[in-house]
Amino acid sequence: MNTTAIQNSGLKTSTKSTSKWFGASSFAKYTTEEIKQQFEKLDKQLFVIRNQEGTVGVADGMGTATSSDLQSAELLANIPAYAPEALGDPSFRAAYGLKYNYMGGAMANGISSEDLVIALGKAGMLCSFGAGGLIPSRIEQAIDKIQTALPNGPYAFNLIHSPNEVALEREACELFLKRGVKVIEASAFMDLTPFVVKFRAAGLRKNADGSIHMENKIIAKVSRLEVAEKFMRPAPKSILDKLVAEGQITAEQATLALSVPMADDITVEADSGGHTDNRPLVSLLPSVLLLRNRIQEELNYPEQVRVGAAGGISTPQSVLAAFAMGAAFVVTGSINQACLESGASDHSRKVLAQAGMTDIMMAPASDMFELGVKLQVLKKGTLFALRAQKLYDTYIAYDGIDAIPAKERTTLEKTVFQDTLENIWKMCIEFFQERDPEQITRSENNPKRKMALIFRWYLGLSSSWANRGVKGRELDYQIWCGPAMGAFNEWVKGTPLEQWENRKAVDVAHALFNGAAYLYRLQYLEMQGVQIDGKYKAASVRY
């Protein structure tokens, strides 16, 4: 059977059909421009037709009120209407009261700001406030603003694992319980802690029909199978028993917690900005889905744990790929930081909007500095990553600041700290007296830990300088960023979203989902034997 070439339309098909299409001549389109416009009508059912001259086109209707205008053609395929809202698992939307299976992931220090949470929430999308690194009083301000704007949700707050600042994790958890925050995004966890277990268990109760009501929901962001499994299984009995003994949860809540998973949802975090293991999504997501399926078969939860995708999500192709691999929802991060609603400075937004996929590198993390944990940051326009690595190398090489050679110490003071280490230590004392006094106590008679706190002063403030746009510190800005940022910038070139001044988080989300739904319809058509030229596969930026 010969393949029929379509006159300059970019469509090819070898399909023969006995079905017929009947309709007005105005319904049938045959030029590339007209066909592209038809494909973009996501709410319209379309028909791929071939007329008597052998020309293949696309029609957006059937029938006619004028018999003299009635045409007939061979019906080759059809494309159903497909709304962007249909992408992903409907149970995720139902669980959180959403219109879209779209989530803005938390970026610490308030980069995922109140305005970002509220903007996405009002558009029917979930967003997690970046509570990581913030003191309780600042988090409470965010709770006040978000709950006022979104009294019925949807919104979430980030609970970040803080092994070096346990008080912050504990106090954040207590604050969420006290203020009625019902959804948290748990991130950077290497193991379950009593605080995240308490949050889960404290919201459990038995319904009249004997089922378990889970008031407090957890979306756990993970990049390792062993951590994913901890959140997919019930809380450890040893932690629950201790919480009961301390009077923090009831015995009934502890019993119920043994029958439900720790998390309602798992976000598979691939190659993302900030904390990341740089895992490829195409390998990590299927592995976590297989793990989920095995645990579900073993434990038979009434509702299985959903699995979403994050890291590298910034184009219609990546959104569609995630859903095609089985993701229930998608989570974006880096691209939101460049939006007007984020807590970043205009300077940060500008350099992010100019970043390419390779303009990133790994650097030591402030919150897990002593453990050697790294995070992914922007390297374009800043020396932070190089300077932070120098500090970590110095930490490894010496037992305390007094052991650092004088010349090397002077260089650090002039280029990195812009002050003496003695003065920096005084500022550390003032800082931790409000934030976590135990940090200072633990550094007494421990020169190595004192050095770590001094170096973490720079690592911690560098992100704050970037968020506030502090003048004179531009080369020290710590801007969390993944390769997704560069991919997004490539996609939006030549459109209004190329300029950071035009980037609004809801517009970005709509553009991604509109593009993904558009590409989904093309794939549906290809499955019916219609070959589509690449010119149609460049999803337009439409919001």
Protein backbone atom coordinates (compact mmCIF):
# COMPACT_ATOMS: atom_id res chain seq x y z
CA MET A 1 0.00 0.00 0.00
CA ASN A 2 1.52 3.30 -1.08
CA THR A 3 1.97 6.15 1.35
CA THR A 4 0.02 9.23 0.29
CA ALA A 5 1.90 12.50 0.63
CA ILE A 6 -0.29 15.35 1.72
CA GLN A 7 0.12 18.60 -0.21
CA ASN A 8 2.47 20.67 1.98
CA SER A 9 0.50 19.76 5.09
CA GLY A 10 3.18 17.78 6.88
CA LEU A 11 0.81 14.83 7.34
CA LYS A 12 1.28 11.36 5.91
CA THR A 13 -0.86 8.26 6.12
CA SER A 14 -1.17 4.89 4.47
CA THR A 15 -4.55 4.30 6.09
CA LYS A 16 -7.46 3.20 3.92
CA SER A 17 -10.91 3.51 5.36
CA THR A 18 -14.45 2.71 4.31
CA SER A 19 -15.82 5.29 6.78
CA LYS A 20 -17.10 8.58 5.45
CA TRP A 21 -17.10 12.15 6.70
CA PHE A 22 -19.87 14.52 5.64
CA GLY A 23 -19.77 18.23 6.36
CA ALA A 24 -19.61 21.82 5.21
CA SER A 25 -16.62 22.89 3.13
CA SER A 26 -15.74 25.49 5.79
CA PHE A 27 -15.05 22.73 8.31
CA ALA A 28 -12.23 21.18 6.29
CA LYS A 29 -8.71 22.68 6.52
CA TYR A 30 -5.74 21.66 4.40
CA THR A 31 -2.90 24.14 4.92
CA THR A 32 -0.23 23.81 7.61
CA GLU A 33 -1.27 27.01 9.38
CA GLU A 34 -4.95 26.07 9.39
CA ILE A 35 -4.27 22.53 10.58
CA LYS A 36 -2.04 23.78 13.42
CA GLN A 37 -4.85 26.08 14.54
CA GLN A 38 -7.25 23.14 14.50
CA PHE A 39 -4.91 20.99 16.58
CA GLU A 40 -4.74 23.79 19.17
CA LYS A 41 -8.51 23.75 19.66
CA LEU A 42 -8.27 21.42 22.64
CA ASP A 43 -12.00 21.56 23.34
CA LYS A 44 -12.92 20.45 19.80
CA GLN A 45 -13.25 16.95 18.42
CA LEU A 46 -11.35 16.78 15.12
CA PHE A 47 -11.55 14.50 12.11
CA VAL A 48 -8.69 13.61 9.78
CA ILE A 49 -10.11 13.35 6.28
CA ARG A 50 -8.97 12.72 2.71
CA ASN A 51 -10.91 14.24 -0.15
CA GLN A 52 -11.48 12.82 -3.60
CA GLU A 53 -8.28 14.43 -4.92
CA GLY A 54 -6.25 12.55 -2.31
CA THR A 55 -5.57 15.62 -0.15
CA VAL A 56 -5.56 14.96 3.58
CA GLY A 57 -6.85 17.61 5.95
CA VAL A 58 -8.49 18.17 9.31
CA ALA A 59 -12.12 19.07 9.98
CA ASP A 60 -13.54 20.44 13.20
CA GLY A 61 -17.16 19.56 12.57
CA MET A 62 -19.66 17.42 10.69
CA GLY A 63 -22.89 18.09 8.89
CA THR A 64 -24.30 21.28 7.41
CA ALA A 65 -27.54 23.21 7.31
CA THR A 66 -27.05 23.92 3.60
CA SER A 67 -27.33 20.81 1.45
CA SER A 68 -25.63 22.50 -1.50
CA ASP A 69 -22.50 22.94 0.62
CA LEU A 70 -22.38 19.32 1.76
CA GLN A 71 -19.08 17.59 1.04
CA SER A 72 -17.93 14.07 1.64
CA ALA A 73 -14.47 12.68 2.31
CA GLU A 74 -12.75 9.56 3.53
CA LEU A 75 -12.61 9.51 7.36
CA LEU A 76 -9.14 8.35 8.41
CA ALA A 77 -8.97 9.12 12.12
CA ASN A 78 -10.46 11.29 14.83
CA ILE A 79 -9.09 13.23 17.76
CA PRO A 80 -11.32 13.63 20.82
CA ALA A 81 -11.39 16.86 22.76
CA TYR A 82 -8.88 16.75 25.59
CA ALA A 83 -8.75 19.37 28.32
CA PRO A 84 -5.50 20.16 30.17
CA GLU A 85 -7.40 19.49 33.38
CA ALA A 86 -7.61 15.80 32.41
CA LEU A 87 -3.86 15.22 32.64
CA GLY A 88 -2.89 13.01 35.57
CA ASP A 89 -4.70 11.13 38.31
CA PRO A 90 -8.18 12.53 39.15
CA SER A 91 -7.87 11.23 42.72
CA PHE A 92 -5.03 13.70 43.36
CA ARG A 93 -7.26 16.57 42.31
CA ALA A 94 -10.08 15.25 44.49
CA ALA A 95 -7.83 14.78 47.52
CA TYR A 96 -6.61 18.38 47.54
CA GLY A 97 -9.50 20.20 45.88
CA LEU A 98 -7.64 21.05 42.67
CA LYS A 99 -8.47 21.78 39.07
CA TYR A 100 -5.10 20.61 37.74
CA ASN A 101 -2.63 17.91 38.77
CA TYR A 102 0.02 20.59 39.13
CA MET A 103 2.07 21.51 42.16
CA GLY A 104 4.60 24.22 42.85
CA GLY A 105 7.26 22.59 45.01
CA ALA A 106 8.72 24.31 48.04
CA MET A 107 11.84 26.43 47.69
CA ALA A 108 13.29 27.26 51.10
CA ASN A 109 13.68 30.65 52.76
CA GLY A 110 10.33 31.77 51.43
CA ILE A 111 11.30 31.64 47.75
CA SER A 112 8.08 29.70 47.36
CA SER A 113 6.37 32.73 48.81
CA GLU A 114 2.92 33.47 50.14
CA ASP A 115 2.09 35.23 46.86
CA LEU A 116 3.16 32.19 44.86
CA VAL A 117 1.08 29.81 47.00
CA ILE A 118 -1.95 32.08 46.79
CA ALA A 119 -1.71 32.70 43.04
CA LEU A 120 -1.49 29.01 42.19
CA GLY A 121 -4.09 28.10 44.82
CA LYS A 122 -6.65 30.50 43.37
CA ALA A 123 -6.07 28.92 39.96
CA GLY A 124 -6.81 25.44 41.30
CA MET A 125 -3.20 24.33 41.70
CA LEU A 126 -1.33 23.26 44.82
CA CYS A 127 1.78 25.06 46.02
CA SER A 128 3.98 24.50 49.07
CA PHE A 129 5.24 27.49 51.03
CA GLY A 130 9.05 27.42 51.40
CA ALA A 131 9.20 27.24 55.19
CA GLY A 132 12.63 25.57 55.24
CA GLY A 133 15.25 27.72 56.94
CA LEU A 134 12.72 30.15 58.42
CA ILE A 135 12.12 30.78 62.11
CA PRO A 136 8.66 29.99 63.55
CA SER A 137 7.54 33.63 63.77
CA ARG A 138 8.19 34.10 60.04
CA ILE A 139 6.36 30.87 59.21
CA GLU A 140 3.40 31.99 61.30
CA GLN A 141 3.20 35.21 59.30
CA ALA A 142 2.93 33.11 56.17
CA ILE A 143 0.23 30.93 57.71
CA ASP A 144 -1.81 34.03 58.57
CA LYS A 145 -1.60 35.44 55.05
CA ILE A 146 -2.21 32.18 53.19
CA GLN A 147 -5.08 31.00 55.37
CA THR A 148 -6.76 34.40 55.02
CA ALA A 149 -6.47 34.30 51.22
CA LEU A 150 -7.22 30.57 50.88
CA PRO A 151 -9.42 29.68 53.87
CA ASN A 152 -10.48 26.43 52.21
CA GLY A 153 -7.16 25.74 50.47
CA PRO A 154 -5.51 24.47 48.48
CA TYR A 155 -2.09 25.08 50.01
CA ALA A 156 0.74 23.19 51.64
CA PHE A 157 3.71 24.03 53.86
CA ASN A 158 7.15 22.53 53.61
CA LEU A 159 8.60 20.56 56.50
CA ILE A 160 12.27 20.15 55.71
CA HIS A 161 14.42 17.64 57.54
CA SER A 162 16.95 19.56 59.65
CA PRO A 163 19.41 17.15 61.30
CA ASN A 164 21.72 20.00 62.28
CA GLU A 165 18.90 22.22 63.56
CA VAL A 166 16.46 19.82 65.16
CA ALA A 167 14.65 22.61 66.98
CA LEU A 168 13.55 24.17 63.69
CA GLU A 169 11.99 20.93 62.45
CA ARG A 170 10.29 20.31 65.80
CA GLU A 171 8.92 23.85 66.14
CA ALA A 172 7.70 23.96 62.54
CA CYS A 173 5.79 20.72 63.06
CA GLU A 174 4.23 21.99 66.29
CA LEU A 175 3.24 25.21 64.58
CA PHE A 176 1.55 23.39 61.70
CA LEU A 177 -0.48 21.29 64.13
CA LYS A 178 -1.39 24.31 66.24
CA ARG A 179 -2.48 26.45 63.28
CA GLY A 180 -4.44 23.80 61.41
CA VAL A 181 -2.11 23.31 58.47
CA LYS A 182 -3.44 20.05 57.00
CA VAL A 183 -0.99 19.42 54.16
CA ILE A 184 2.80 19.37 54.39
CA GLU A 185 5.45 18.65 51.83
CA ALA A 186 8.15 16.64 53.61
CA SER A 187 11.52 17.08 51.93
CA ALA A 188 15.21 16.21 52.39
CA PHE A 189 14.37 13.39 54.80
CA MET A 190 16.89 10.58 55.05
CA ASP A 191 14.83 8.76 57.69
CA LEU A 192 11.56 9.29 59.51
CA THR A 193 11.72 11.57 62.53
CA PRO A 194 9.33 11.77 65.52
CA PHE A 195 8.14 15.16 64.26
CA VAL A 196 6.88 14.04 60.85
CA VAL A 197 5.41 10.89 62.40
CA LYS A 198 3.58 12.97 64.99
CA PHE A 199 2.11 15.21 62.30
CA ARG A 200 0.71 12.18 60.50
CA ALA A 201 -0.59 10.33 63.55
CA ALA A 202 -2.12 13.39 65.23
CA GLY A 203 -4.63 13.71 62.39
CA LEU A 204 -5.92 10.13 62.47
CA ARG A 205 -9.34 9.10 63.67
CA LYS A 206 -11.81 6.32 62.99
CA ASN A 207 -14.94 7.06 60.96
CA ALA A 208 -18.36 5.73 61.89
CA ASP A 209 -18.06 3.03 59.23
CA GLY A 210 -14.75 1.83 60.69
CA SER A 211 -12.57 3.38 58.01
CA ILE A 212 -9.66 5.65 58.96
CA HIS A 213 -9.86 9.40 58.37
CA MET A 214 -6.46 10.95 57.61
CA GLU A 215 -6.84 14.63 58.42
CA ASN A 216 -3.17 15.51 58.07
CA LYS A 217 -1.81 14.78 54.61
CA ILE A 218 1.84 14.34 53.69
CA ILE A 219 3.41 14.69 50.26
CA ALA A 220 6.92 13.27 50.64
CA LYS A 221 9.59 14.42 48.21
CA VAL A 222 12.18 11.68 47.75
CA SER A 223 14.98 10.67 45.41
CA ARG A 224 15.95 7.32 46.93
CA LEU A 225 14.05 4.06 47.02
CA GLU A 226 14.89 3.35 50.65
CA VAL A 227 13.42 6.70 51.71
CA ALA A 228 10.39 6.26 49.46
CA GLU A 229 9.68 2.92 51.12
CA LYS A 230 9.71 4.48 54.60
CA PHE A 231 6.99 6.91 53.54
CA MET A 232 4.98 4.26 51.71
CA ARG A 233 4.82 2.02 54.76
CA PRO A 234 3.16 2.75 58.14
CA ALA A 235 5.09 4.68 60.78
CA PRO A 236 7.55 2.61 62.85
CA LYS A 237 5.97 1.21 66.00
CA SER A 238 9.01 2.24 68.07
CA ILE A 239 8.47 5.92 67.24
CA LEU A 240 4.73 5.69 67.80
CA ASP A 241 5.16 4.01 71.18
CA LYS A 242 7.54 6.75 72.29
CA LEU A 243 5.13 9.47 71.19
CA VAL A 244 2.34 7.78 73.17
CA ALA A 245 4.57 7.50 76.25
CA GLU A 246 5.35 11.22 75.98
CA GLY A 247 1.65 12.07 75.67
CA GLN A 248 2.07 13.58 72.21
CA ILE A 249 -0.45 11.27 70.50
CA THR A 250 -3.11 8.92 71.82
CA ALA A 251 -2.88 5.16 71.95
CA GLU A 252 -5.70 4.94 69.42
CA GLN A 253 -3.87 7.24 67.01
CA ALA A 254 -0.77 5.06 67.33
CA THR A 255 -2.82 1.96 66.54
CA LEU A 256 -4.45 3.60 63.53
CA ALA A 257 -1.06 4.79 62.27
CA LEU A 258 0.03 1.17 61.92
CA SER A 259 -2.62 0.67 59.22
CA VAL A 260 -1.97 3.66 56.97
CA PRO A 261 1.03 4.79 54.93
CA MET A 262 3.13 7.66 56.24
CA ALA A 263 2.47 9.66 53.08
CA ASP A 264 -0.57 10.11 50.87
CA ASP A 265 1.66 11.01 47.95
CA ILE A 266 5.28 10.58 46.92
CA THR A 267 7.02 13.13 44.74
CA VAL A 268 9.89 11.53 42.84
CA GLU A 269 12.54 14.25 42.76
CA ALA A 270 14.94 13.78 39.87
CA ASP A 271 17.55 16.29 38.66
CA SER A 272 16.21 19.38 40.40
CA GLY A 273 17.46 22.62 41.85
CA GLY A 274 18.50 22.73 45.50
CA HIS A 275 18.70 19.40 47.31
CA THR A 276 19.02 16.68 44.68
CA ASP A 277 20.70 13.39 43.94
CA ASN A 278 20.74 14.28 40.22
CA ARG A 279 18.80 11.11 39.39
CA PRO A 280 17.35 10.74 35.85
CA LEU A 281 13.56 10.82 35.94
CA VAL A 282 13.24 8.08 33.31
CA SER A 283 15.01 5.68 35.67
CA LEU A 284 13.81 6.88 39.06
CA LEU A 285 10.09 7.26 38.43
CA PRO A 286 9.50 3.73 37.08
CA SER A 287 11.50 2.26 39.97
CA VAL A 288 9.42 4.09 42.58
CA LEU A 289 6.20 3.11 40.82
CA LEU A 290 7.23 -0.54 40.90
CA LEU A 291 8.05 -0.21 44.60
CA ARG A 292 4.65 1.38 45.24
CA ASN A 293 2.90 -1.46 43.41
CA ARG A 294 4.73 -4.12 45.43
CA ILE A 295 3.92 -2.44 48.74
CA GLN A 296 0.29 -1.91 47.71
CA GLU A 297 -0.04 -5.60 46.82
CA GLU A 298 1.47 -6.51 50.19
CA LEU A 299 -0.46 -4.13 52.44
CA ASN A 300 -3.64 -3.57 50.39
CA TYR A 301 -4.36 0.00 51.44
CA PRO A 302 -7.90 1.19 50.62
CA GLU A 303 -6.25 3.87 48.48
CA GLN A 304 -2.79 3.36 47.06
CA VAL A 305 -0.07 5.95 47.53
CA ARG A 306 0.09 8.20 44.48
CA VAL A 307 3.43 8.99 42.84
CA GLY A 308 4.24 12.30 41.15
CA ALA A 309 7.24 13.61 39.25
CA ALA A 310 9.59 16.53 39.89
CA GLY A 311 12.97 17.62 38.60
CA GLY A 312 13.34 18.68 34.98
CA ILE A 313 9.64 19.52 34.56
CA SER A 314 9.62 22.73 32.52
CA THR A 315 8.36 22.05 28.98
CA PRO A 316 5.19 20.52 27.54
CA GLN A 317 7.25 17.51 26.44
CA SER A 318 8.57 16.86 29.96
CA VAL A 319 5.11 17.28 31.47
CA LEU A 320 3.60 14.82 29.01
CA ALA A 321 6.50 12.40 29.43
CA ALA A 322 6.00 12.34 33.20
CA PHE A 323 2.31 11.57 32.85
CA ALA A 324 2.99 8.99 30.15
CA MET A 325 5.36 7.18 32.54
CA GLY A 326 2.62 6.97 35.14
CA ALA A 327 3.02 10.09 37.27
CA ALA A 328 -0.16 11.11 39.07
CA PHE A 329 0.90 14.76 39.20
CA VAL A 330 3.86 16.96 38.28
CA VAL A 331 5.84 19.35 40.45
CA THR A 332 7.76 22.41 39.23
CA GLY A 333 10.39 24.43 41.08
CA SER A 334 13.15 26.31 39.29
CA ILE A 335 10.81 27.90 36.74
CA ASN A 336 8.63 29.32 39.52
CA GLN A 337 11.59 31.06 41.12
CA ALA A 338 11.90 33.19 37.98
CA CYS A 339 8.24 34.26 38.25
CA LEU A 340 7.06 37.56 39.66
CA GLU A 341 5.29 35.98 42.65
CA SER A 342 8.36 34.21 44.01
CA GLY A 343 10.39 35.44 46.97
CA ALA A 344 13.46 35.90 44.78
CA SER A 345 14.93 39.29 43.91
CA ASP A 346 14.59 40.87 40.48
CA HIS A 347 18.33 40.30 39.99
CA SER A 348 17.84 36.56 40.57
CA ARG A 349 14.85 36.46 38.24
CA LYS A 350 16.87 38.18 35.53
CA VAL A 351 19.84 35.80 35.65
CA LEU A 352 17.53 32.77 35.89
CA ALA A 353 15.72 33.89 32.74
CA GLN A 354 19.08 34.00 30.95
CA ALA A 355 20.31 30.61 32.16
CA GLY A 356 21.07 27.68 29.91
CA MET A 357 20.82 24.01 30.82
CA THR A 358 24.55 23.80 31.60
CA ASP A 359 24.76 26.96 33.70
CA ILE A 360 24.46 25.01 36.94
CA MET A 361 26.70 23.11 39.36
CA MET A 362 26.68 21.40 42.74
CA ALA A 363 27.71 23.23 45.92
CA PRO A 364 27.80 22.43 49.68
CA ALA A 365 24.45 22.79 51.44
CA SER A 366 24.16 25.01 54.50
CA ASP A 367 21.67 22.83 56.40
CA MET A 368 23.72 19.64 55.98
CA PHE A 369 27.19 21.14 55.63
CA GLU A 370 28.99 18.80 58.03
CA LEU A 371 27.52 15.76 56.27
CA GLY A 372 28.97 16.84 52.94
CA VAL A 373 25.53 17.11 51.34
CA LYS A 374 25.39 19.23 48.19
CA LEU A 375 22.69 21.06 46.31
CA GLN A 376 22.33 22.32 42.75
CA VAL A 377 22.75 26.04 42.12
CA LEU A 378 23.16 28.52 39.32
CA LYS A 379 26.80 29.17 38.43
CA LYS A 380 26.18 31.88 35.85
CA GLY A 381 26.84 35.36 37.25
CA THR A 382 27.93 34.19 40.71
CA LEU A 383 30.98 32.71 42.43
CA PHE A 384 28.99 31.18 45.27
CA ALA A 385 29.50 27.53 44.29
CA LEU A 386 33.27 27.89 44.02
CA ARG A 387 33.55 29.81 47.28
CA ALA A 388 31.27 27.41 49.13
CA GLN A 389 33.36 24.47 47.96
CA LYS A 390 36.50 26.23 49.19
CA LEU A 391 34.91 26.54 52.62
CA TYR A 392 34.04 22.86 52.71
CA ASP A 393 37.56 21.88 51.63
CA THR A 394 38.93 24.07 54.41
CA TYR A 395 36.54 22.47 56.92
CA ILE A 396 37.78 19.02 55.95
CA ALA A 397 41.44 20.05 56.07
CA TYR A 398 41.60 21.76 59.49
CA ASP A 399 40.37 21.14 63.03
CA GLY A 400 39.27 24.73 63.66
CA ILE A 401 39.65 28.30 62.49
CA ASP A 402 42.80 28.74 64.56
CA ALA A 403 44.43 25.95 62.57
CA ILE A 404 43.88 27.66 59.24
CA PRO A 405 47.17 29.15 57.93
CA ALA A 406 47.25 32.94 58.29
CA LYS A 407 47.51 33.63 54.56
CA GLU A 408 44.59 31.36 53.73
CA ARG A 409 42.52 32.79 56.55
CA THR A 410 43.15 36.35 55.36
CA THR A 411 42.06 35.41 51.85
CA LEU A 412 38.81 33.94 53.19
CA GLU A 413 38.12 37.01 55.28
CA LYS A 414 38.67 39.39 52.35
CA THR A 415 37.05 37.52 49.47
CA VAL A 416 34.31 35.42 51.08
CA PHE A 417 33.30 36.87 54.44
CA GLN A 418 34.32 40.50 53.91
CA ASP A 419 34.91 40.62 57.67
CA THR A 420 37.09 38.96 60.30
CA LEU A 421 36.17 35.46 61.42
CA GLU A 422 35.98 36.76 65.00
CA ASN A 423 33.26 39.19 64.02
CA ILE A 424 31.45 36.51 62.04
CA TRP A 425 31.44 34.30 65.13
CA LYS A 426 29.85 37.08 67.17
CA MET A 427 27.11 37.35 64.55
CA CYS A 428 26.64 33.57 64.68
CA ILE A 429 26.05 33.78 68.44
CA GLU A 430 23.44 36.51 67.99
CA PHE A 431 21.79 34.59 65.15
CA PHE A 432 21.48 31.26 66.94
CA GLN A 433 20.37 32.80 70.24
CA GLU A 434 17.06 33.52 68.50
CA ARG A 435 17.00 30.57 66.14
CA ASP A 436 18.47 27.59 68.00
CA PRO A 437 20.65 28.32 71.10
CA GLU A 438 21.64 24.67 71.31
CA GLN A 439 23.87 25.21 68.28
CA ILE A 440 26.12 27.54 70.30
CA THR A 441 26.12 25.24 73.32
CA ARG A 442 27.23 22.31 71.17
CA SER A 443 30.12 24.32 69.75
CA GLU A 444 31.67 25.06 73.15
CA ASN A 445 35.03 23.32 73.44
CA ASN A 446 34.50 22.01 69.90
CA PRO A 447 36.63 24.08 67.45
CA LYS A 448 35.56 21.97 64.48
CA ARG A 449 31.87 22.62 65.09
CA LYS A 450 32.56 26.31 65.69
CA MET A 451 34.28 26.47 62.32
CA ALA A 452 31.29 24.76 60.71
CA LEU A 453 28.88 27.34 62.15
CA ILE A 454 31.05 30.19 60.90
CA PHE A 455 31.19 28.71 57.41
CA ARG A 456 27.46 28.03 57.48
CA TRP A 457 26.96 31.74 58.20
CA TYR A 458 28.12 32.43 54.65
CA LEU A 459 26.23 29.52 53.13
CA GLY A 460 23.02 30.51 54.88
CA LEU A 461 23.16 34.23 54.20
CA SER A 462 24.12 33.81 50.55
CA SER A 463 20.61 32.67 49.67
CA SER A 464 19.14 35.50 51.73
CA TRP A 465 21.33 38.02 49.89
CA ALA A 466 20.04 36.63 46.60
CA ASN A 467 16.41 36.80 47.71
CA ARG A 468 16.75 40.37 49.00
CA GLY A 469 18.97 41.54 46.16
CA VAL A 470 21.67 42.84 48.52
CA LYS A 471 23.95 45.22 46.63
CA GLY A 472 27.64 44.41 46.57
CA ARG A 473 27.04 40.72 47.23
CA GLU A 474 25.97 39.67 43.73
CA LEU A 475 28.99 37.38 43.28
CA ASP A 476 27.97 35.57 46.47
CA TYR A 477 24.34 34.98 45.53
CA GLN A 478 23.22 31.39 46.10
CA ILE A 479 20.45 30.75 43.58
CA TRP A 480 19.00 27.24 43.56
CA CYS A 481 18.45 26.03 40.03
CA GLY A 482 18.18 22.85 37.98
CA PRO A 483 18.57 22.20 34.23
CA ALA A 484 14.82 22.62 33.83
CA MET A 485 15.36 26.38 33.91
CA GLY A 486 17.46 26.31 30.76
CA ALA A 487 14.99 24.06 28.94
CA PHE A 488 12.13 26.42 29.81
CA ASN A 489 14.11 29.44 28.60
CA GLU A 490 14.72 27.71 25.26
CA TRP A 491 11.04 26.89 24.86
CA VAL A 492 9.75 30.42 25.50
CA LYS A 493 12.27 32.25 23.28
CA GLY A 494 10.53 34.73 21.03
CA THR A 495 7.40 34.82 23.21
CA PRO A 496 6.31 37.25 25.94
CA LEU A 497 7.49 34.75 28.57
CA GLU A 498 11.07 35.13 27.39
CA GLN A 499 11.26 38.27 29.54
CA TRP A 500 11.20 37.67 33.27
CA GLU A 501 9.05 40.74 33.76
CA ASN A 502 6.18 38.90 32.05
CA ARG A 503 6.44 35.63 33.92
CA LYS A 504 3.51 34.86 36.17
CA ALA A 505 3.33 31.44 37.80
CA VAL A 506 -0.23 30.69 36.70
CA ASP A 507 0.53 31.68 33.09
CA VAL A 508 3.57 29.39 33.12
CA ALA A 509 1.51 26.50 34.49
CA HIS A 510 -1.27 27.01 31.95
CA ALA A 511 1.25 27.19 29.10
CA LEU A 512 2.82 23.90 30.19
CA PHE A 513 -0.48 22.06 30.54
CA ASN A 514 -1.97 23.49 27.34
CA GLY A 515 1.16 22.40 25.49
CA ALA A 516 1.12 18.94 27.05
CA ALA A 517 -2.55 18.42 26.16
CA TYR A 518 -1.83 19.57 22.61
CA LEU A 519 1.02 17.06 22.27
CA TYR A 520 -1.11 14.32 23.78
CA ARG A 521 -3.67 14.76 21.02
CA LEU A 522 -0.96 14.48 18.37
CA GLN A 523 0.27 11.25 19.92
CA TYR A 524 -3.28 9.93 19.94
CA LEU A 525 -3.48 10.69 16.24
CA GLU A 526 -0.16 8.98 15.51
CA MET A 527 -1.41 5.85 17.25
CA GLN A 528 -4.08 5.72 14.54
CA GLY A 529 -1.47 5.62 11.79
CA VAL A 530 -1.19 9.31 10.89
CA GLN A 531 2.42 10.47 10.61
CA ILE A 532 2.84 14.06 11.75
CA ASP A 533 5.66 16.34 10.66
CA GLY A 534 7.86 17.89 13.35
CA LYS A 535 6.58 21.37 12.54
CA TYR A 536 3.38 20.49 14.41
CA LYS A 537 5.22 19.14 17.43
CA ALA A 538 6.55 22.46 18.63
CA ALA A 539 3.87 23.26 21.20
CA SER A 540 3.08 26.96 21.18
CA VAL A 541 3.29 29.03 24.35
CA ARG A 542 -0.41 29.59 25.03
CA TYR A 543 -1.89 30.63 28.34
